[in-house]
Protein backbone atom coordinates (compact mmCIF):
# COMPACT_ATOMS: atom_id res chain seq x y z
CA UNK A 1 0.00 0.00 0.00
CA UNK A 2 2.88 2.37 0.75
CA UNK A 3 4.41 1.66 -2.66
CA UNK A 4 1.11 2.44 -4.37
CA UNK A 5 0.77 5.70 -2.47
CA UNK A 6 4.36 6.62 -3.40
CA UNK A 7 3.72 5.86 -7.08
CA UNK A 8 0.55 7.96 -7.04
CA UNK A 9 2.44 10.82 -5.36
CA UNK A 10 5.17 10.67 -8.02
CA UNK A 11 2.59 10.64 -10.83
CA UNK A 12 0.74 13.52 -9.23
CA UNK A 13 3.97 15.54 -8.96
CA UNK A 14 4.81 14.86 -12.60
CA UNK A 15 1.34 15.89 -13.74
CA UNK A 16 1.44 19.00 -11.58
CA UNK A 17 4.84 19.94 -13.00
CA UNK A 18 3.49 19.46 -16.52
CA UNK A 19 0.41 21.54 -15.74
CA UNK A 20 2.56 24.54 -14.80
CA UNK A 21 4.44 24.56 -18.07
CA UNK A 22 4.92 27.65 -20.20
CA UNK A 23 2.70 28.95 -23.03
CA UNK A 24 3.78 30.88 -26.14
CA UNK A 25 1.50 33.10 -28.26
CA UNK A 26 3.09 33.30 -31.75
CA UNK A 27 3.07 36.62 -33.60
CA UNK A 28 1.99 35.65 -37.09
CA UNK A 29 -0.61 32.99 -37.78
CA UNK A 30 0.81 30.27 -35.57
CA UNK A 31 -1.10 28.18 -33.06
CA UNK A 32 -0.65 28.82 -29.36
CA UNK A 33 2.11 26.53 -28.05
CA UNK A 34 1.06 24.88 -24.77
CA UNK A 35 3.08 22.61 -22.46
CA UNK A 36 6.54 23.85 -23.42
CA UNK A 37 9.59 25.13 -21.54
CA UNK A 38 10.76 28.66 -22.41
CA UNK A 39 14.56 28.68 -22.32
CA UNK A 40 15.29 32.28 -23.35
CA UNK A 41 13.78 35.39 -24.95
CA UNK A 42 16.09 37.43 -27.22
CA UNK A 43 15.69 40.67 -29.18
CA UNK A 44 12.40 41.47 -27.51
CA UNK A 45 10.24 38.69 -28.95
CA UNK A 46 12.34 35.76 -30.25
CA UNK A 47 11.40 32.93 -27.89
CA UNK A 48 13.70 29.91 -27.65
CA UNK A 49 11.76 26.97 -26.24
CA UNK A 50 11.75 23.18 -25.83
CA UNK A 51 8.70 20.98 -26.35
CA UNK A 52 8.70 17.17 -26.37
CA UNK A 53 12.53 17.15 -26.29
CA UNK A 54 12.69 19.31 -29.46
CA UNK A 55 14.15 22.83 -29.30
CA UNK A 56 12.90 25.59 -31.59
CA UNK A 57 12.57 29.37 -31.85
CA UNK A 58 9.44 31.38 -32.62
CA UNK A 59 8.56 35.06 -32.88
CA UNK A 60 5.92 35.72 -30.23
CA UNK A 61 3.69 38.55 -29.08
CA UNK A 62 3.27 37.20 -25.55
CA UNK A 63 4.26 34.33 -23.28
CA UNK A 64 3.07 32.83 -20.02
CA UNK A 65 6.12 31.81 -18.01
CA UNK A 66 5.76 30.21 -14.59
CA UNK A 67 2.11 31.30 -14.50
CA UNK A 68 2.89 34.97 -15.30
CA UNK A 69 1.58 36.53 -18.52
CA UNK A 70 4.21 38.69 -20.27
CA UNK A 71 3.25 40.92 -23.21
CA UNK A 72 6.26 41.00 -25.55
CA UNK A 73 4.66 43.41 -28.00
CA UNK A 74 5.58 46.34 -25.73
CA UNK A 75 9.28 45.49 -26.04
CA UNK A 76 9.01 45.27 -29.82
CA UNK A 77 7.17 48.61 -29.96
CA UNK A 78 9.95 50.27 -27.98
CA UNK A 79 12.62 48.74 -30.23
CA UNK A 80 10.82 49.73 -33.46
CA UNK A 81 9.38 53.07 -32.32
CA UNK A 82 11.25 54.99 -34.99
CA UNK A 83 10.29 52.54 -37.76
CA UNK A 84 6.65 51.57 -37.15
CA UNK A 85 3.73 53.78 -36.14
CA UNK A 86 2.19 52.80 -32.80
CA UNK A 87 -0.76 50.39 -32.80
CA UNK A 88 -4.02 51.94 -31.62
CA UNK A 89 -5.85 48.71 -30.73
CA UNK A 90 -5.01 45.28 -29.43
CA UNK A 91 -6.87 43.62 -32.33
CA UNK A 92 -3.60 43.10 -34.20
CA UNK A 93 -2.21 40.92 -31.40
CA UNK A 94 -4.45 38.00 -32.30
CA UNK A 95 -5.00 38.58 -36.01
CA UNK A 96 -4.39 34.92 -36.84
CA UNK A 97 -7.69 33.74 -35.32
CA UNK A 98 -11.06 35.28 -34.71
CA UNK A 99 -13.24 35.51 -31.62
CA UNK A 100 -15.07 32.24 -32.36
CA UNK A 101 -11.80 30.28 -32.44
CA UNK A 102 -10.79 31.45 -28.97
CA UNK A 103 -14.37 31.05 -27.72
CA UNK A 104 -14.27 27.38 -28.81
CA UNK A 105 -10.91 26.89 -27.04
CA UNK A 106 -12.34 28.61 -23.96
CA UNK A 107 -15.27 26.19 -23.86
CA UNK A 108 -12.97 23.18 -24.31
CA UNK A 109 -10.73 24.31 -21.46
CA UNK A 110 -13.83 24.88 -19.30
CA UNK A 111 -14.86 21.26 -19.95
CA UNK A 112 -11.37 20.07 -18.92
CA UNK A 113 -11.63 22.09 -15.71
CA UNK A 114 -15.14 20.72 -15.04
CA UNK A 115 -13.98 17.14 -15.63
CA UNK A 116 -11.13 17.71 -13.17
CA UNK A 117 -13.53 19.03 -10.52
CA UNK A 118 -15.85 16.06 -11.07
CA UNK A 119 -13.01 13.49 -10.84
CA UNK A 120 -11.62 15.15 -7.72
CA UNK A 121 -15.02 15.17 -5.97
CA UNK A 122 -15.70 11.54 -6.92
CA UNK A 123 -12.22 10.60 -5.64
CA UNK A 124 -12.77 12.39 -2.34
CA UNK A 125 -16.16 10.70 -1.92
CA UNK A 126 -14.62 7.28 -2.68
CA UNK A 127 -11.87 7.89 -0.10
CA UNK A 128 -14.47 8.93 2.48
CA UNK A 129 -16.64 5.88 1.80
CA UNK A 130 -13.60 3.59 2.06
CA UNK A 131 -13.33 4.44 5.78
CA UNK A 132 -16.88 3.30 6.64
CA UNK A 133 -17.23 0.05 8.61
CA UNK A 134 -20.21 -1.27 6.64
CA UNK A 135 -18.12 -2.53 3.70
CA UNK A 136 -15.59 -5.32 3.34
CA UNK A 137 -11.87 -4.73 3.61
CA UNK A 138 -11.26 -5.52 -0.07
CA UNK A 139 -13.95 -3.07 -1.18
CA UNK A 140 -12.53 -0.48 1.18
CA UNK A 141 -9.03 -0.87 -0.33
CA UNK A 142 -10.45 -0.66 -3.87
CA UNK A 143 -12.36 2.52 -3.07
CA UNK A 144 -9.30 4.04 -1.40
CA UNK A 145 -7.04 3.33 -4.38
CA UNK A 146 -9.69 4.44 -6.87
CA UNK A 147 -10.28 7.63 -4.89
CA UNK A 148 -6.57 8.43 -4.76
CA UNK A 149 -6.28 7.94 -8.50
CA UNK A 150 -9.35 10.15 -9.08
CA UNK A 151 -7.84 12.96 -6.99
CA UNK A 152 -4.38 12.50 -8.56
CA UNK A 153 -5.85 12.88 -12.06
CA UNK A 154 -8.54 15.45 -11.21
CA UNK A 155 -6.37 18.10 -9.54
CA UNK A 156 -3.96 18.51 -12.49
CA UNK A 157 -6.94 18.71 -14.85
CA UNK A 158 -8.34 21.54 -12.72
CA UNK A 159 -5.00 23.37 -12.90
CA UNK A 160 -4.56 22.85 -16.66
CA UNK A 161 -8.17 23.82 -17.36
CA UNK A 162 -7.93 26.93 -15.19
CA UNK A 163 -4.74 28.16 -16.88
CA UNK A 164 -6.08 27.54 -20.38
CA UNK A 165 -9.46 29.08 -19.53
CA UNK A 166 -7.80 32.27 -18.27
CA UNK A 167 -5.52 32.51 -21.32
CA UNK A 168 -8.31 31.92 -23.82
CA UNK A 169 -10.58 34.40 -22.01
CA UNK A 170 -7.81 36.99 -22.38
CA UNK A 171 -7.44 36.14 -26.08
CA UNK A 172 -11.22 36.44 -26.58
CA UNK A 173 -11.23 39.88 -25.00
CA UNK A 174 -8.40 41.03 -27.25
CA UNK A 175 -10.23 39.93 -30.41
CA UNK A 176 -13.51 41.65 -29.60
CA UNK A 177 -14.28 44.39 -32.06
CA UNK A 178 -15.70 47.64 -30.82
CA UNK A 179 -18.64 49.06 -32.75
CA UNK A 180 -18.16 52.57 -34.14
CA UNK A 181 -20.44 54.92 -36.02
CA UNK A 182 -18.86 57.46 -38.35
CA UNK A 183 -20.01 59.79 -41.08
CA UNK A 184 -18.34 61.57 -43.92
CA UNK A 185 -18.64 62.87 -47.45
CA UNK A 186 -19.09 60.32 -50.26
CA UNK A 187 -19.65 60.60 -54.01
CA UNK A 188 -23.40 60.57 -53.37
CA UNK A 189 -23.44 63.08 -50.52
CA UNK A 190 -23.08 62.53 -46.77
CA UNK A 191 -22.93 58.93 -45.56
CA UNK A 192 -22.90 57.03 -42.31
CA UNK A 193 -20.76 53.95 -41.67
CA UNK A 194 -21.36 51.49 -38.84
CA UNK A 195 -18.28 49.34 -38.20
CA UNK A 196 -18.36 46.36 -35.86
C-alpha atoms as a PDB file:
ATOM      1  CA  UNK A   1       0.000   0.000   0.000  1.00  0.00           C
ATOM      2  CA  UNK A   2       2.878   2.367   0.754  1.00  0.00           C
ATOM      3  CA  UNK A   3       4.411   1.665  -2.662  1.00  0.00           C
ATOM      4  CA  UNK A   4       1.113   2.438  -4.370  1.00  0.00           C
ATOM      5  CA  UNK A   5       0.769   5.699  -2.467  1.00  0.00           C
ATOM      6  CA  UNK A   6       4.363   6.619  -3.402  1.00  0.00           C
ATOM      7  CA  UNK A   7       3.725   5.858  -7.083  1.00  0.00           C
ATOM      8  CA  UNK A   8       0.548   7.961  -7.037  1.00  0.00           C
ATOM      9  CA  UNK A   9       2.435  10.820  -5.364  1.00  0.00           C
ATOM     10  CA  UNK A  10       5.172  10.667  -8.016  1.00  0.00           C
ATOM     11  CA  UNK A  11       2.592  10.635 -10.834  1.00  0.00           C
ATOM     12  CA  UNK A  12       0.739  13.522  -9.232  1.00  0.00           C
ATOM     13  CA  UNK A  13       3.973  15.541  -8.960  1.00  0.00           C
ATOM     14  CA  UNK A  14       4.808  14.861 -12.600  1.00  0.00           C
ATOM     15  CA  UNK A  15       1.336  15.892 -13.741  1.00  0.00           C
ATOM     16  CA  UNK A  16       1.440  18.998 -11.577  1.00  0.00           C
ATOM     17  CA  UNK A  17       4.844  19.944 -13.002  1.00  0.00           C
ATOM     18  CA  UNK A  18       3.490  19.461 -16.520  1.00  0.00           C
ATOM     19  CA  UNK A  19       0.409  21.542 -15.739  1.00  0.00           C
ATOM     20  CA  UNK A  20       2.558  24.537 -14.796  1.00  0.00           C
ATOM     21  CA  UNK A  21       4.445  24.563 -18.068  1.00  0.00           C
ATOM     22  CA  UNK A  22       4.925  27.645 -20.202  1.00  0.00           C
ATOM     23  CA  UNK A  23       2.704  28.946 -23.031  1.00  0.00           C
ATOM     24  CA  UNK A  24       3.782  30.880 -26.142  1.00  0.00           C
ATOM     25  CA  UNK A  25       1.501  33.103 -28.259  1.00  0.00           C
ATOM     26  CA  UNK A  26       3.091  33.303 -31.747  1.00  0.00           C
ATOM     27  CA  UNK A  27       3.068  36.624 -33.596  1.00  0.00           C
ATOM     28  CA  UNK A  28       1.989  35.647 -37.086  1.00  0.00           C
ATOM     29  CA  UNK A  29      -0.611  32.994 -37.778  1.00  0.00           C
ATOM     30  CA  UNK A  30       0.812  30.266 -35.574  1.00  0.00           C
ATOM     31  CA  UNK A  31      -1.098  28.179 -33.064  1.00  0.00           C
ATOM     32  CA  UNK A  32      -0.650  28.815 -29.362  1.00  0.00           C
ATOM     33  CA  UNK A  33       2.110  26.528 -28.046  1.00  0.00           C
ATOM     34  CA  UNK A  34       1.063  24.883 -24.773  1.00  0.00           C
ATOM     35  CA  UNK A  35       3.085  22.610 -22.460  1.00  0.00           C
ATOM     36  CA  UNK A  36       6.537  23.849 -23.417  1.00  0.00           C
ATOM     37  CA  UNK A  37       9.589  25.133 -21.536  1.00  0.00           C
ATOM     38  CA  UNK A  38      10.761  28.655 -22.413  1.00  0.00           C
ATOM     39  CA  UNK A  39      14.555  28.681 -22.319  1.00  0.00           C
ATOM     40  CA  UNK A  40      15.295  32.277 -23.348  1.00  0.00           C
ATOM     41  CA  UNK A  41      13.775  35.391 -24.954  1.00  0.00           C
ATOM     42  CA  UNK A  42      16.089  37.428 -27.216  1.00  0.00           C
ATOM     43  CA  UNK A  43      15.685  40.672 -29.179  1.00  0.00           C
ATOM     44  CA  UNK A  44      12.402  41.466 -27.505  1.00  0.00           C
ATOM     45  CA  UNK A  45      10.236  38.691 -28.952  1.00  0.00           C
ATOM     46  CA  UNK A  46      12.343  35.761 -30.253  1.00  0.00           C
ATOM     47  CA  UNK A  47      11.399  32.934 -27.886  1.00  0.00           C
ATOM     48  CA  UNK A  48      13.697  29.913 -27.652  1.00  0.00           C
ATOM     49  CA  UNK A  49      11.759  26.967 -26.240  1.00  0.00           C
ATOM     50  CA  UNK A  50      11.754  23.183 -25.828  1.00  0.00           C
ATOM     51  CA  UNK A  51       8.699  20.979 -26.349  1.00  0.00           C
ATOM     52  CA  UNK A  52       8.698  17.169 -26.366  1.00  0.00           C
ATOM     53  CA  UNK A  53      12.530  17.148 -26.291  1.00  0.00           C
ATOM     54  CA  UNK A  54      12.691  19.313 -29.458  1.00  0.00           C
ATOM     55  CA  UNK A  55      14.153  22.832 -29.303  1.00  0.00           C
ATOM     56  CA  UNK A  56      12.903  25.592 -31.586  1.00  0.00           C
ATOM     57  CA  UNK A  57      12.567  29.374 -31.845  1.00  0.00           C
ATOM     58  CA  UNK A  58       9.443  31.384 -32.624  1.00  0.00           C
ATOM     59  CA  UNK A  59       8.559  35.062 -32.878  1.00  0.00           C
ATOM     60  CA  UNK A  60       5.921  35.715 -30.233  1.00  0.00           C
ATOM     61  CA  UNK A  61       3.694  38.550 -29.079  1.00  0.00           C
ATOM     62  CA  UNK A  62       3.271  37.201 -25.554  1.00  0.00           C
ATOM     63  CA  UNK A  63       4.257  34.332 -23.283  1.00  0.00           C
ATOM     64  CA  UNK A  64       3.065  32.832 -20.023  1.00  0.00           C
ATOM     65  CA  UNK A  65       6.118  31.815 -18.009  1.00  0.00           C
ATOM     66  CA  UNK A  66       5.764  30.215 -14.589  1.00  0.00           C
ATOM     67  CA  UNK A  67       2.109  31.304 -14.499  1.00  0.00           C
ATOM     68  CA  UNK A  68       2.891  34.966 -15.297  1.00  0.00           C
ATOM     69  CA  UNK A  69       1.577  36.527 -18.522  1.00  0.00           C
ATOM     70  CA  UNK A  70       4.211  38.693 -20.269  1.00  0.00           C
ATOM     71  CA  UNK A  71       3.251  40.924 -23.206  1.00  0.00           C
ATOM     72  CA  UNK A  72       6.256  41.004 -25.554  1.00  0.00           C
ATOM     73  CA  UNK A  73       4.664  43.412 -28.001  1.00  0.00           C
ATOM     74  CA  UNK A  74       5.576  46.341 -25.730  1.00  0.00           C
ATOM     75  CA  UNK A  75       9.280  45.487 -26.038  1.00  0.00           C
ATOM     76  CA  UNK A  76       9.012  45.272 -29.816  1.00  0.00           C
ATOM     77  CA  UNK A  77       7.166  48.606 -29.964  1.00  0.00           C
ATOM     78  CA  UNK A  78       9.947  50.271 -27.980  1.00  0.00           C
ATOM     79  CA  UNK A  79      12.619  48.735 -30.231  1.00  0.00           C
ATOM     80  CA  UNK A  80      10.821  49.726 -33.460  1.00  0.00           C
ATOM     81  CA  UNK A  81       9.378  53.074 -32.318  1.00  0.00           C
ATOM     82  CA  UNK A  82      11.248  54.990 -34.986  1.00  0.00           C
ATOM     83  CA  UNK A  83      10.295  52.545 -37.764  1.00  0.00           C
ATOM     84  CA  UNK A  84       6.654  51.575 -37.152  1.00  0.00           C
ATOM     85  CA  UNK A  85       3.728  53.781 -36.139  1.00  0.00           C
ATOM     86  CA  UNK A  86       2.194  52.803 -32.795  1.00  0.00           C
ATOM     87  CA  UNK A  87      -0.764  50.387 -32.801  1.00  0.00           C
ATOM     88  CA  UNK A  88      -4.023  51.944 -31.624  1.00  0.00           C
ATOM     89  CA  UNK A  89      -5.851  48.712 -30.728  1.00  0.00           C
ATOM     90  CA  UNK A  90      -5.012  45.283 -29.433  1.00  0.00           C
ATOM     91  CA  UNK A  91      -6.868  43.618 -32.331  1.00  0.00           C
ATOM     92  CA  UNK A  92      -3.603  43.098 -34.202  1.00  0.00           C
ATOM     93  CA  UNK A  93      -2.213  40.924 -31.403  1.00  0.00           C
ATOM     94  CA  UNK A  94      -4.451  37.997 -32.303  1.00  0.00           C
ATOM     95  CA  UNK A  95      -5.002  38.576 -36.012  1.00  0.00           C
ATOM     96  CA  UNK A  96      -4.391  34.916 -36.836  1.00  0.00           C
ATOM     97  CA  UNK A  97      -7.693  33.745 -35.324  1.00  0.00           C
ATOM     98  CA  UNK A  98     -11.065  35.280 -34.705  1.00  0.00           C
ATOM     99  CA  UNK A  99     -13.244  35.508 -31.616  1.00  0.00           C
ATOM    100  CA  UNK A 100     -15.073  32.242 -32.359  1.00  0.00           C
ATOM    101  CA  UNK A 101     -11.802  30.278 -32.442  1.00  0.00           C
ATOM    102  CA  UNK A 102     -10.794  31.451 -28.966  1.00  0.00           C
ATOM    103  CA  UNK A 103     -14.372  31.046 -27.716  1.00  0.00           C
ATOM    104  CA  UNK A 104     -14.273  27.380 -28.806  1.00  0.00           C
ATOM    105  CA  UNK A 105     -10.909  26.890 -27.039  1.00  0.00           C
ATOM    106  CA  UNK A 106     -12.337  28.613 -23.959  1.00  0.00           C
ATOM    107  CA  UNK A 107     -15.274  26.186 -23.858  1.00  0.00           C
ATOM    108  CA  UNK A 108     -12.972  23.178 -24.311  1.00  0.00           C
ATOM    109  CA  UNK A 109     -10.735  24.306 -21.465  1.00  0.00           C
ATOM    110  CA  UNK A 110     -13.834  24.877 -19.301  1.00  0.00           C
ATOM    111  CA  UNK A 111     -14.860  21.261 -19.946  1.00  0.00           C
ATOM    112  CA  UNK A 112     -11.369  20.074 -18.916  1.00  0.00           C
ATOM    113  CA  UNK A 113     -11.632  22.087 -15.709  1.00  0.00           C
ATOM    114  CA  UNK A 114     -15.142  20.718 -15.041  1.00  0.00           C
ATOM    115  CA  UNK A 115     -13.979  17.140 -15.626  1.00  0.00           C
ATOM    116  CA  UNK A 116     -11.135  17.710 -13.169  1.00  0.00           C
ATOM    117  CA  UNK A 117     -13.526  19.026 -10.522  1.00  0.00           C
ATOM    118  CA  UNK A 118     -15.853  16.057 -11.071  1.00  0.00           C
ATOM    119  CA  UNK A 119     -13.014  13.494 -10.845  1.00  0.00           C
ATOM    120  CA  UNK A 120     -11.622  15.145  -7.718  1.00  0.00           C
ATOM    121  CA  UNK A 121     -15.015  15.167  -5.970  1.00  0.00           C
ATOM    122  CA  UNK A 122     -15.696  11.538  -6.917  1.00  0.00           C
ATOM    123  CA  UNK A 123     -12.219  10.605  -5.643  1.00  0.00           C
ATOM    124  CA  UNK A 124     -12.766  12.392  -2.341  1.00  0.00           C
ATOM    125  CA  UNK A 125     -16.160  10.701  -1.916  1.00  0.00           C
ATOM    126  CA  UNK A 126     -14.616   7.279  -2.675  1.00  0.00           C
ATOM    127  CA  UNK A 127     -11.868   7.886  -0.101  1.00  0.00           C
ATOM    128  CA  UNK A 128     -14.468   8.931   2.484  1.00  0.00           C
ATOM    129  CA  UNK A 129     -16.641   5.880   1.803  1.00  0.00           C
ATOM    130  CA  UNK A 130     -13.604   3.587   2.064  1.00  0.00           C
ATOM    131  CA  UNK A 131     -13.330   4.443   5.782  1.00  0.00           C
ATOM    132  CA  UNK A 132     -16.876   3.299   6.644  1.00  0.00           C
ATOM    133  CA  UNK A 133     -17.235   0.049   8.606  1.00  0.00           C
ATOM    134  CA  UNK A 134     -20.211  -1.273   6.638  1.00  0.00           C
ATOM    135  CA  UNK A 135     -18.122  -2.530   3.697  1.00  0.00           C
ATOM    136  CA  UNK A 136     -15.591  -5.321   3.336  1.00  0.00           C
ATOM    137  CA  UNK A 137     -11.866  -4.734   3.608  1.00  0.00           C
ATOM    138  CA  UNK A 138     -11.262  -5.515  -0.066  1.00  0.00           C
ATOM    139  CA  UNK A 139     -13.953  -3.069  -1.184  1.00  0.00           C
ATOM    140  CA  UNK A 140     -12.525  -0.478   1.185  1.00  0.00           C
ATOM    141  CA  UNK A 141      -9.031  -0.871  -0.328  1.00  0.00           C
ATOM    142  CA  UNK A 142     -10.449  -0.658  -3.865  1.00  0.00           C
ATOM    143  CA  UNK A 143     -12.361   2.522  -3.070  1.00  0.00           C
ATOM    144  CA  UNK A 144      -9.304   4.040  -1.402  1.00  0.00           C
ATOM    145  CA  UNK A 145      -7.036   3.326  -4.383  1.00  0.00           C
ATOM    146  CA  UNK A 146      -9.692   4.445  -6.875  1.00  0.00           C
ATOM    147  CA  UNK A 147     -10.277   7.626  -4.895  1.00  0.00           C
ATOM    148  CA  UNK A 148      -6.569   8.434  -4.756  1.00  0.00           C
ATOM    149  CA  UNK A 149      -6.280   7.942  -8.503  1.00  0.00           C
ATOM    150  CA  UNK A 150      -9.348  10.152  -9.080  1.00  0.00           C
ATOM    151  CA  UNK A 151      -7.835  12.956  -6.995  1.00  0.00           C
ATOM    152  CA  UNK A 152      -4.385  12.497  -8.558  1.00  0.00           C
ATOM    153  CA  UNK A 153      -5.849  12.885 -12.057  1.00  0.00           C
ATOM    154  CA  UNK A 154      -8.537  15.447 -11.212  1.00  0.00           C
ATOM    155  CA  UNK A 155      -6.369  18.097  -9.535  1.00  0.00           C
ATOM    156  CA  UNK A 156      -3.957  18.507 -12.493  1.00  0.00           C
ATOM    157  CA  UNK A 157      -6.939  18.709 -14.850  1.00  0.00           C
ATOM    158  CA  UNK A 158      -8.340  21.540 -12.724  1.00  0.00           C
ATOM    159  CA  UNK A 159      -4.997  23.373 -12.900  1.00  0.00           C
ATOM    160  CA  UNK A 160      -4.561  22.848 -16.660  1.00  0.00           C
ATOM    161  CA  UNK A 161      -8.170  23.824 -17.361  1.00  0.00           C
ATOM    162  CA  UNK A 162      -7.927  26.933 -15.189  1.00  0.00           C
ATOM    163  CA  UNK A 163      -4.741  28.162 -16.882  1.00  0.00           C
ATOM    164  CA  UNK A 164      -6.082  27.537 -20.384  1.00  0.00           C
ATOM    165  CA  UNK A 165      -9.464  29.077 -19.529  1.00  0.00           C
ATOM    166  CA  UNK A 166      -7.803  32.270 -18.273  1.00  0.00           C
ATOM    167  CA  UNK A 167      -5.516  32.514 -21.321  1.00  0.00           C
ATOM    168  CA  UNK A 168      -8.313  31.919 -23.818  1.00  0.00           C
ATOM    169  CA  UNK A 169     -10.583  34.402 -22.010  1.00  0.00           C
ATOM    170  CA  UNK A 170      -7.808  36.991 -22.380  1.00  0.00           C
ATOM    171  CA  UNK A 171      -7.441  36.142 -26.080  1.00  0.00           C
ATOM    172  CA  UNK A 172     -11.223  36.437 -26.584  1.00  0.00           C
ATOM    173  CA  UNK A 173     -11.233  39.877 -25.003  1.00  0.00           C
ATOM    174  CA  UNK A 174      -8.398  41.029 -27.248  1.00  0.00           C
ATOM    175  CA  UNK A 175     -10.226  39.932 -30.408  1.00  0.00           C
ATOM    176  CA  UNK A 176     -13.509  41.645 -29.595  1.00  0.00           C
ATOM    177  CA  UNK A 177     -14.276  44.391 -32.055  1.00  0.00           C
ATOM    178  CA  UNK A 178     -15.704  47.639 -30.818  1.00  0.00           C
ATOM    179  CA  UNK A 179     -18.639  49.059 -32.747  1.00  0.00           C
ATOM    180  CA  UNK A 180     -18.162  52.567 -34.141  1.00  0.00           C
ATOM    181  CA  UNK A 181     -20.439  54.917 -36.018  1.00  0.00           C
ATOM    182  CA  UNK A 182     -18.861  57.456 -38.349  1.00  0.00           C
ATOM    183  CA  UNK A 183     -20.014  59.789 -41.079  1.00  0.00           C
ATOM    184  CA  UNK A 184     -18.342  61.571 -43.916  1.00  0.00           C
ATOM    185  CA  UNK A 185     -18.639  62.867 -47.447  1.00  0.00           C
ATOM    186  CA  UNK A 186     -19.088  60.321 -50.257  1.00  0.00           C
ATOM    187  CA  UNK A 187     -19.646  60.605 -54.014  1.00  0.00           C
ATOM    188  CA  UNK A 188     -23.401  60.567 -53.369  1.00  0.00           C
ATOM    189  CA  UNK A 189     -23.439  63.076 -50.523  1.00  0.00           C
ATOM    190  CA  UNK A 190     -23.078  62.530 -46.773  1.00  0.00           C
ATOM    191  CA  UNK A 191     -22.934  58.930 -45.563  1.00  0.00           C
ATOM    192  CA  UNK A 192     -22.897  57.031 -42.315  1.00  0.00           C
ATOM    193  CA  UNK A 193     -20.759  53.948 -41.669  1.00  0.00           C
ATOM    194  CA  UNK A 194     -21.356  51.488 -38.842  1.00  0.00           C
ATOM    195  CA  UNK A 195     -18.279  49.344 -38.196  1.00  0.00           C
ATOM    196  CA  UNK A 196     -18.365  46.362 -35.863  1.00  0.00           C
END
